[in-house]
N, C-alpha and C. Protein backbone atom coordinates (compact mmCIF):
# COMPACT_ATOMS: atom_id res chain seq x y z
N UNK A 1 -22.14 -163.16 -92.41
CA UNK A 1 -22.99 -162.31 -91.81
C UNK A 1 -23.24 -162.56 -90.25
N UNK A 2 -23.08 -161.62 -89.56
CA UNK A 2 -23.36 -161.42 -88.33
C UNK A 2 -24.91 -161.39 -88.03
N UNK A 3 -25.42 -162.60 -87.18
CA UNK A 3 -26.68 -163.54 -86.88
C UNK A 3 -26.94 -163.11 -85.09
N UNK A 4 -27.99 -162.38 -85.22
CA UNK A 4 -28.63 -162.60 -83.81
C UNK A 4 -29.58 -162.95 -84.06
N UNK A 5 -29.52 -163.83 -82.33
CA UNK A 5 -30.87 -165.16 -81.92
C UNK A 5 -31.23 -164.94 -80.93
N UNK A 6 -32.15 -164.77 -80.27
CA UNK A 6 -32.80 -164.83 -78.70
C UNK A 6 -34.42 -165.39 -78.60
N UNK A 7 -34.68 -165.89 -78.07
CA UNK A 7 -35.68 -166.48 -77.46
C UNK A 7 -36.66 -165.84 -76.49
N UNK A 8 -37.64 -165.53 -76.49
CA UNK A 8 -37.94 -164.48 -75.12
C UNK A 8 -39.66 -164.75 -74.98
N UNK A 9 -39.95 -165.63 -73.70
CA UNK A 9 -41.04 -166.00 -72.83
C UNK A 9 -42.12 -164.63 -73.03
N UNK A 10 -43.49 -164.78 -73.41
CA UNK A 10 -44.66 -163.82 -73.34
C UNK A 10 -45.80 -164.39 -72.70
N UNK A 11 -46.69 -163.75 -72.30
CA UNK A 11 -48.19 -164.58 -71.98
C UNK A 11 -49.38 -163.84 -72.75
N UNK A 12 -48.88 -162.89 -73.66
CA UNK A 12 -49.77 -162.40 -74.60
C UNK A 12 -50.64 -163.52 -75.52
N UNK A 13 -51.97 -163.34 -75.56
CA UNK A 13 -53.26 -163.33 -76.31
C UNK A 13 -52.13 -163.37 -78.23
N UNK A 14 -52.50 -164.48 -78.96
CA UNK A 14 -52.12 -164.11 -80.23
C UNK A 14 -52.33 -163.58 -81.01
N UNK A 15 -53.40 -162.52 -80.64
CA UNK A 15 -53.58 -161.29 -80.95
C UNK A 15 -52.60 -160.20 -80.80
N UNK A 16 -52.82 -160.00 -79.37
CA UNK A 16 -51.82 -159.26 -78.85
C UNK A 16 -50.41 -159.81 -78.96
N UNK A 17 -49.79 -160.68 -79.26
CA UNK A 17 -48.57 -160.79 -79.50
C UNK A 17 -48.49 -160.41 -80.91
N UNK A 18 -49.36 -160.67 -81.81
CA UNK A 18 -48.81 -160.30 -83.57
C UNK A 18 -49.22 -158.30 -83.78
N UNK A 19 -49.48 -158.17 -82.64
CA UNK A 19 -49.90 -156.77 -82.76
C UNK A 19 -48.57 -156.07 -82.05
N UNK A 20 -48.15 -156.62 -80.88
CA UNK A 20 -46.67 -156.13 -80.55
C UNK A 20 -45.67 -155.98 -81.56
N UNK A 21 -45.84 -157.23 -82.07
CA UNK A 21 -44.80 -157.40 -83.19
C UNK A 21 -44.88 -156.62 -84.20
N UNK A 22 -46.15 -156.35 -84.94
CA UNK A 22 -46.22 -155.45 -85.66
C UNK A 22 -45.83 -153.80 -85.53
N UNK A 23 -46.11 -153.21 -84.25
CA UNK A 23 -45.98 -152.04 -83.80
C UNK A 23 -44.14 -151.85 -83.57
N UNK A 24 -43.46 -152.74 -83.14
CA UNK A 24 -42.05 -153.03 -83.50
C UNK A 24 -41.79 -153.06 -84.73
N UNK A 25 -42.27 -153.51 -85.69
CA UNK A 25 -41.95 -153.48 -86.82
C UNK A 25 -42.61 -152.05 -88.26
N UNK A 26 -43.09 -151.46 -86.97
CA UNK A 26 -43.37 -150.51 -87.99
C UNK A 26 -42.54 -149.46 -87.52
N UNK A 27 -42.23 -149.64 -86.91
CA UNK A 27 -40.97 -148.23 -86.39
C UNK A 27 -39.83 -148.97 -86.73
N UNK A 28 -39.64 -149.75 -87.05
CA UNK A 28 -38.11 -150.48 -87.93
C UNK A 28 -38.32 -149.93 -89.24
N UNK A 29 -39.91 -150.11 -89.58
CA UNK A 29 -40.21 -149.47 -90.94
C UNK A 29 -39.48 -147.94 -91.21
N UNK A 30 -40.26 -146.98 -90.17
CA UNK A 30 -39.99 -145.45 -90.02
C UNK A 30 -38.65 -145.45 -90.03
N UNK A 31 -38.13 -145.78 -89.27
CA UNK A 31 -37.20 -145.17 -88.65
C UNK A 31 -35.47 -145.64 -89.63
N UNK A 32 -35.75 -147.37 -90.50
CA UNK A 32 -34.52 -147.63 -90.89
C UNK A 32 -34.70 -148.50 -92.58
N UNK A 33 -36.34 -147.73 -92.52
CA UNK A 33 -36.48 -148.51 -93.81
C UNK A 33 -36.76 -149.66 -94.13
N UNK A 34 -37.19 -150.39 -93.49
CA UNK A 34 -37.41 -152.26 -93.27
C UNK A 34 -38.49 -152.70 -94.01
N UNK A 35 -38.80 -153.39 -95.04
CA UNK A 35 -40.27 -153.60 -95.15
C UNK A 35 -40.52 -155.12 -94.22
N UNK A 36 -41.51 -155.55 -94.36
CA UNK A 36 -42.14 -156.45 -93.61
C UNK A 36 -43.48 -157.06 -93.73
N UNK A 37 -43.77 -158.00 -93.74
CA UNK A 37 -44.87 -159.30 -93.96
C UNK A 37 -45.26 -160.08 -93.44
N UNK A 38 -46.05 -160.70 -93.13
CA UNK A 38 -46.17 -161.92 -92.79
C UNK A 38 -46.40 -163.13 -93.31
N UNK A 39 -45.87 -164.28 -92.63
CA UNK A 39 -46.01 -165.78 -93.46
C UNK A 39 -46.82 -166.13 -92.17
N UNK A 40 -48.11 -166.86 -92.12
CA UNK A 40 -48.28 -167.41 -91.03
C UNK A 40 -48.19 -166.46 -89.84
N UNK A 41 -47.60 -167.33 -88.90
CA UNK A 41 -47.25 -166.76 -87.44
C UNK A 41 -45.86 -166.32 -87.35
N UNK A 42 -45.30 -165.83 -88.84
CA UNK A 42 -43.86 -165.43 -88.53
C UNK A 42 -43.65 -164.22 -89.61
N UNK A 43 -42.73 -162.80 -88.81
CA UNK A 43 -42.95 -161.79 -89.12
C UNK A 43 -41.07 -161.82 -89.89
N UNK A 44 -41.57 -161.53 -91.24
CA UNK A 44 -40.27 -161.43 -91.81
C UNK A 44 -40.04 -159.90 -92.44
N UNK A 45 -38.80 -159.38 -91.33
CA UNK A 45 -38.52 -158.33 -92.30
C UNK A 45 -37.09 -157.91 -93.08
N UNK A 46 -37.02 -156.92 -94.03
CA UNK A 46 -35.82 -157.06 -95.08
C UNK A 46 -36.09 -155.40 -95.25
N UNK A 47 -34.34 -155.16 -95.07
CA UNK A 47 -33.72 -154.06 -95.18
C UNK A 47 -33.29 -154.19 -97.00
N UNK A 48 -34.05 -153.02 -97.64
CA UNK A 48 -33.42 -153.41 -99.08
C UNK A 48 -32.59 -151.86 -99.29
N UNK A 49 -32.80 -150.87 -98.61
CA UNK A 49 -32.10 -149.55 -98.58
C UNK A 49 -31.77 -148.77 -97.34
N UNK A 50 -31.64 -147.69 -97.43
CA UNK A 50 -31.78 -146.95 -95.58
C UNK A 50 -30.36 -147.13 -95.09
N UNK A 51 -30.75 -147.39 -93.93
CA UNK A 51 -29.41 -147.29 -92.61
C UNK A 51 -29.36 -149.02 -92.12
N UNK A 52 -30.04 -149.25 -92.79
CA UNK A 52 -29.79 -151.12 -92.52
C UNK A 52 -29.72 -152.12 -93.58
N UNK A 53 -29.35 -151.21 -94.73
CA UNK A 53 -29.60 -152.05 -96.08
C UNK A 53 -28.39 -153.33 -95.49
N UNK A 54 -29.47 -154.66 -96.14
CA UNK A 54 -28.66 -156.05 -96.30
C UNK A 54 -29.24 -156.77 -95.17
N UNK A 55 -29.72 -156.04 -93.85
CA UNK A 55 -30.36 -156.32 -93.30
C UNK A 55 -31.71 -157.40 -93.05
N UNK A 56 -31.77 -158.17 -92.85
CA UNK A 56 -32.99 -159.36 -92.69
C UNK A 56 -33.37 -160.04 -91.81
N UNK A 57 -34.41 -160.50 -91.37
CA UNK A 57 -34.69 -161.31 -90.26
C UNK A 57 -35.95 -161.83 -90.11
N UNK A 58 -36.33 -162.47 -89.20
CA UNK A 58 -38.06 -163.13 -88.77
C UNK A 58 -38.18 -162.89 -87.27
N UNK A 59 -39.60 -162.92 -86.86
CA UNK A 59 -39.75 -162.87 -85.48
C UNK A 59 -40.96 -163.84 -85.89
N UNK A 60 -40.80 -165.47 -85.09
CA UNK A 60 -41.92 -166.12 -84.68
C UNK A 60 -42.60 -166.06 -83.24
N UNK A 61 -44.08 -165.75 -83.98
CA UNK A 61 -44.82 -165.54 -82.41
C UNK A 61 -45.58 -167.16 -82.31
N UNK A 62 -44.86 -168.01 -80.85
CA UNK A 62 -45.51 -169.01 -80.38
C UNK A 62 -46.41 -168.60 -79.28
N UNK A 63 -47.68 -170.06 -78.55
CA UNK A 63 -48.06 -169.98 -77.90
C UNK A 63 -47.57 -168.78 -76.75
N UNK A 64 -46.28 -169.41 -76.34
CA UNK A 64 -45.53 -168.76 -74.77
C UNK A 64 -44.08 -168.27 -75.05
N UNK A 65 -43.88 -168.40 -76.55
CA UNK A 65 -42.59 -167.67 -76.76
C UNK A 65 -42.43 -166.82 -78.22
N UNK A 66 -41.59 -165.93 -77.92
CA UNK A 66 -41.43 -165.14 -79.54
C UNK A 66 -39.86 -165.26 -79.73
N UNK A 67 -39.77 -165.80 -80.90
CA UNK A 67 -38.17 -166.55 -81.39
C UNK A 67 -38.10 -165.30 -82.63
N UNK A 68 -36.71 -164.73 -82.15
CA UNK A 68 -36.25 -163.63 -83.21
C UNK A 68 -34.89 -163.97 -83.44
N UNK A 69 -35.02 -163.31 -84.89
CA UNK A 69 -33.68 -163.74 -85.61
C UNK A 69 -33.26 -162.86 -86.46
N UNK A 70 -31.80 -162.44 -86.35
CA UNK A 70 -31.74 -161.44 -87.24
C UNK A 70 -30.23 -161.19 -88.14
N UNK A 71 -30.68 -161.26 -89.00
CA UNK A 71 -28.75 -161.16 -89.74
C UNK A 71 -28.74 -159.70 -90.49
N UNK A 72 -27.16 -159.08 -89.80
CA UNK A 72 -26.97 -158.63 -90.76
C UNK A 72 -26.07 -158.31 -91.04
N UNK A 73 -25.92 -157.39 -92.09
CA UNK A 73 -24.66 -156.87 -92.85
C UNK A 73 -23.46 -156.54 -92.34
N UNK A 74 -21.94 -157.01 -93.28
CA UNK A 74 -21.29 -157.04 -92.50
C UNK A 74 -20.52 -155.30 -92.02
N UNK A 75 -21.43 -154.52 -92.81
CA UNK A 75 -21.43 -153.02 -92.36
C UNK A 75 -22.08 -152.57 -91.01
N UNK A 76 -22.64 -153.66 -90.88
CA UNK A 76 -23.49 -153.31 -89.40
C UNK A 76 -22.66 -154.46 -88.15
N UNK A 77 -21.88 -154.90 -88.30
CA UNK A 77 -21.48 -156.02 -87.56
C UNK A 77 -21.03 -155.24 -86.00
N UNK A 78 -20.12 -154.01 -86.14
CA UNK A 78 -20.04 -153.34 -85.22
C UNK A 78 -20.90 -152.75 -84.18
N UNK A 79 -22.22 -152.74 -84.93
CA UNK A 79 -23.24 -152.69 -84.06
C UNK A 79 -24.47 -153.77 -83.13
N UNK A 80 -23.75 -154.75 -83.37
CA UNK A 80 -24.59 -156.18 -83.17
C UNK A 80 -24.67 -156.36 -81.75
N UNK A 81 -23.37 -156.41 -80.33
CA UNK A 81 -24.07 -155.58 -79.58
C UNK A 81 -25.09 -154.84 -78.92
N UNK A 82 -25.12 -153.41 -79.63
CA UNK A 82 -26.09 -152.83 -79.49
C UNK A 82 -27.05 -152.70 -80.21
N UNK A 83 -27.38 -153.57 -81.39
CA UNK A 83 -28.78 -154.11 -81.52
C UNK A 83 -29.20 -155.18 -81.12
N UNK A 84 -28.81 -155.91 -80.86
CA UNK A 84 -29.38 -157.02 -79.90
C UNK A 84 -29.87 -156.37 -78.15
N UNK A 85 -28.82 -155.67 -77.72
CA UNK A 85 -29.25 -155.25 -76.59
C UNK A 85 -30.69 -154.18 -76.72
N UNK A 86 -31.02 -153.28 -77.70
CA UNK A 86 -32.06 -152.26 -78.09
C UNK A 86 -32.94 -153.36 -77.96
N UNK A 87 -33.19 -153.92 -79.41
CA UNK A 87 -34.49 -155.17 -79.63
C UNK A 87 -34.93 -155.79 -78.06
N UNK A 88 -33.91 -156.00 -77.26
CA UNK A 88 -34.21 -156.78 -76.23
C UNK A 88 -34.66 -155.87 -75.09
N UNK A 89 -34.33 -154.64 -75.00
CA UNK A 89 -35.00 -153.79 -74.25
C UNK A 89 -36.36 -153.17 -74.82
N UNK A 90 -36.64 -153.39 -76.28
CA UNK A 90 -38.16 -152.80 -77.13
C UNK A 90 -39.00 -153.79 -76.49
N UNK A 91 -38.53 -155.25 -76.61
CA UNK A 91 -38.95 -156.27 -76.53
C UNK A 91 -39.84 -156.65 -74.56
N UNK A 92 -38.93 -156.11 -73.75
CA UNK A 92 -39.22 -155.71 -72.68
C UNK A 92 -40.62 -154.88 -72.35
N UNK A 93 -39.99 -153.75 -72.90
CA UNK A 93 -41.14 -152.48 -72.68
C UNK A 93 -42.17 -153.04 -73.30
N UNK A 94 -42.38 -153.67 -74.35
CA UNK A 94 -43.81 -153.43 -75.23
C UNK A 94 -44.20 -154.83 -74.12
N UNK A 95 -43.69 -156.53 -74.14
CA UNK A 95 -44.34 -157.18 -73.56
C UNK A 95 -44.76 -157.36 -72.17
N UNK A 96 -43.39 -156.38 -71.29
CA UNK A 96 -44.12 -156.46 -70.13
C UNK A 96 -42.37 -157.80 -69.01
N UNK A 97 -42.58 -157.97 -68.40
CA UNK A 97 -41.55 -158.15 -67.44
C UNK A 97 -41.66 -159.85 -68.41
N UNK A 98 -40.35 -160.50 -68.19
CA UNK A 98 -40.79 -162.05 -69.23
C UNK A 98 -41.23 -163.03 -67.71
N UNK A 99 -41.95 -163.92 -68.11
CA UNK A 99 -42.90 -164.69 -67.25
C UNK A 99 -41.76 -166.15 -67.27
N UNK A 100 -42.01 -166.55 -66.41
CA UNK A 100 -40.68 -167.90 -65.57
C UNK A 100 -42.13 -168.83 -66.04
N UNK A 101 -41.44 -169.43 -67.11
CA UNK A 101 -42.69 -171.10 -67.60
C UNK A 101 -41.57 -172.31 -66.75
C-alpha cells in the first residue's frame, strides 16, 4: 500500500490548528466520503466507500508542526504524486507560508 508522509511547520495556536485540520477533513468528507475522528491531537481519516475507498491516514497536530500520513489503496497508487501535491497545496493555502524554525 503506497504511503504519503510529510511534516509541515506552522505557527498557529492549538485551537486554530485543529480548526484548520477539521476544515480540510470536512472537505474530504464531502468530496471523497471520508470519515474522520479525533484521538487526542491526531485526526484519523478513513474511506470505507466512494472514490477513495480503502484509503486511511492521520494528521498529528504538534505545537510547531503538522505530521501527515496517508495510506493509499492500490487503485489510487497512480495518483500518489497528485494527492501529495494537492494536500501540500491545500495546507499551504490554509496555514499560510511555512515558518522557518
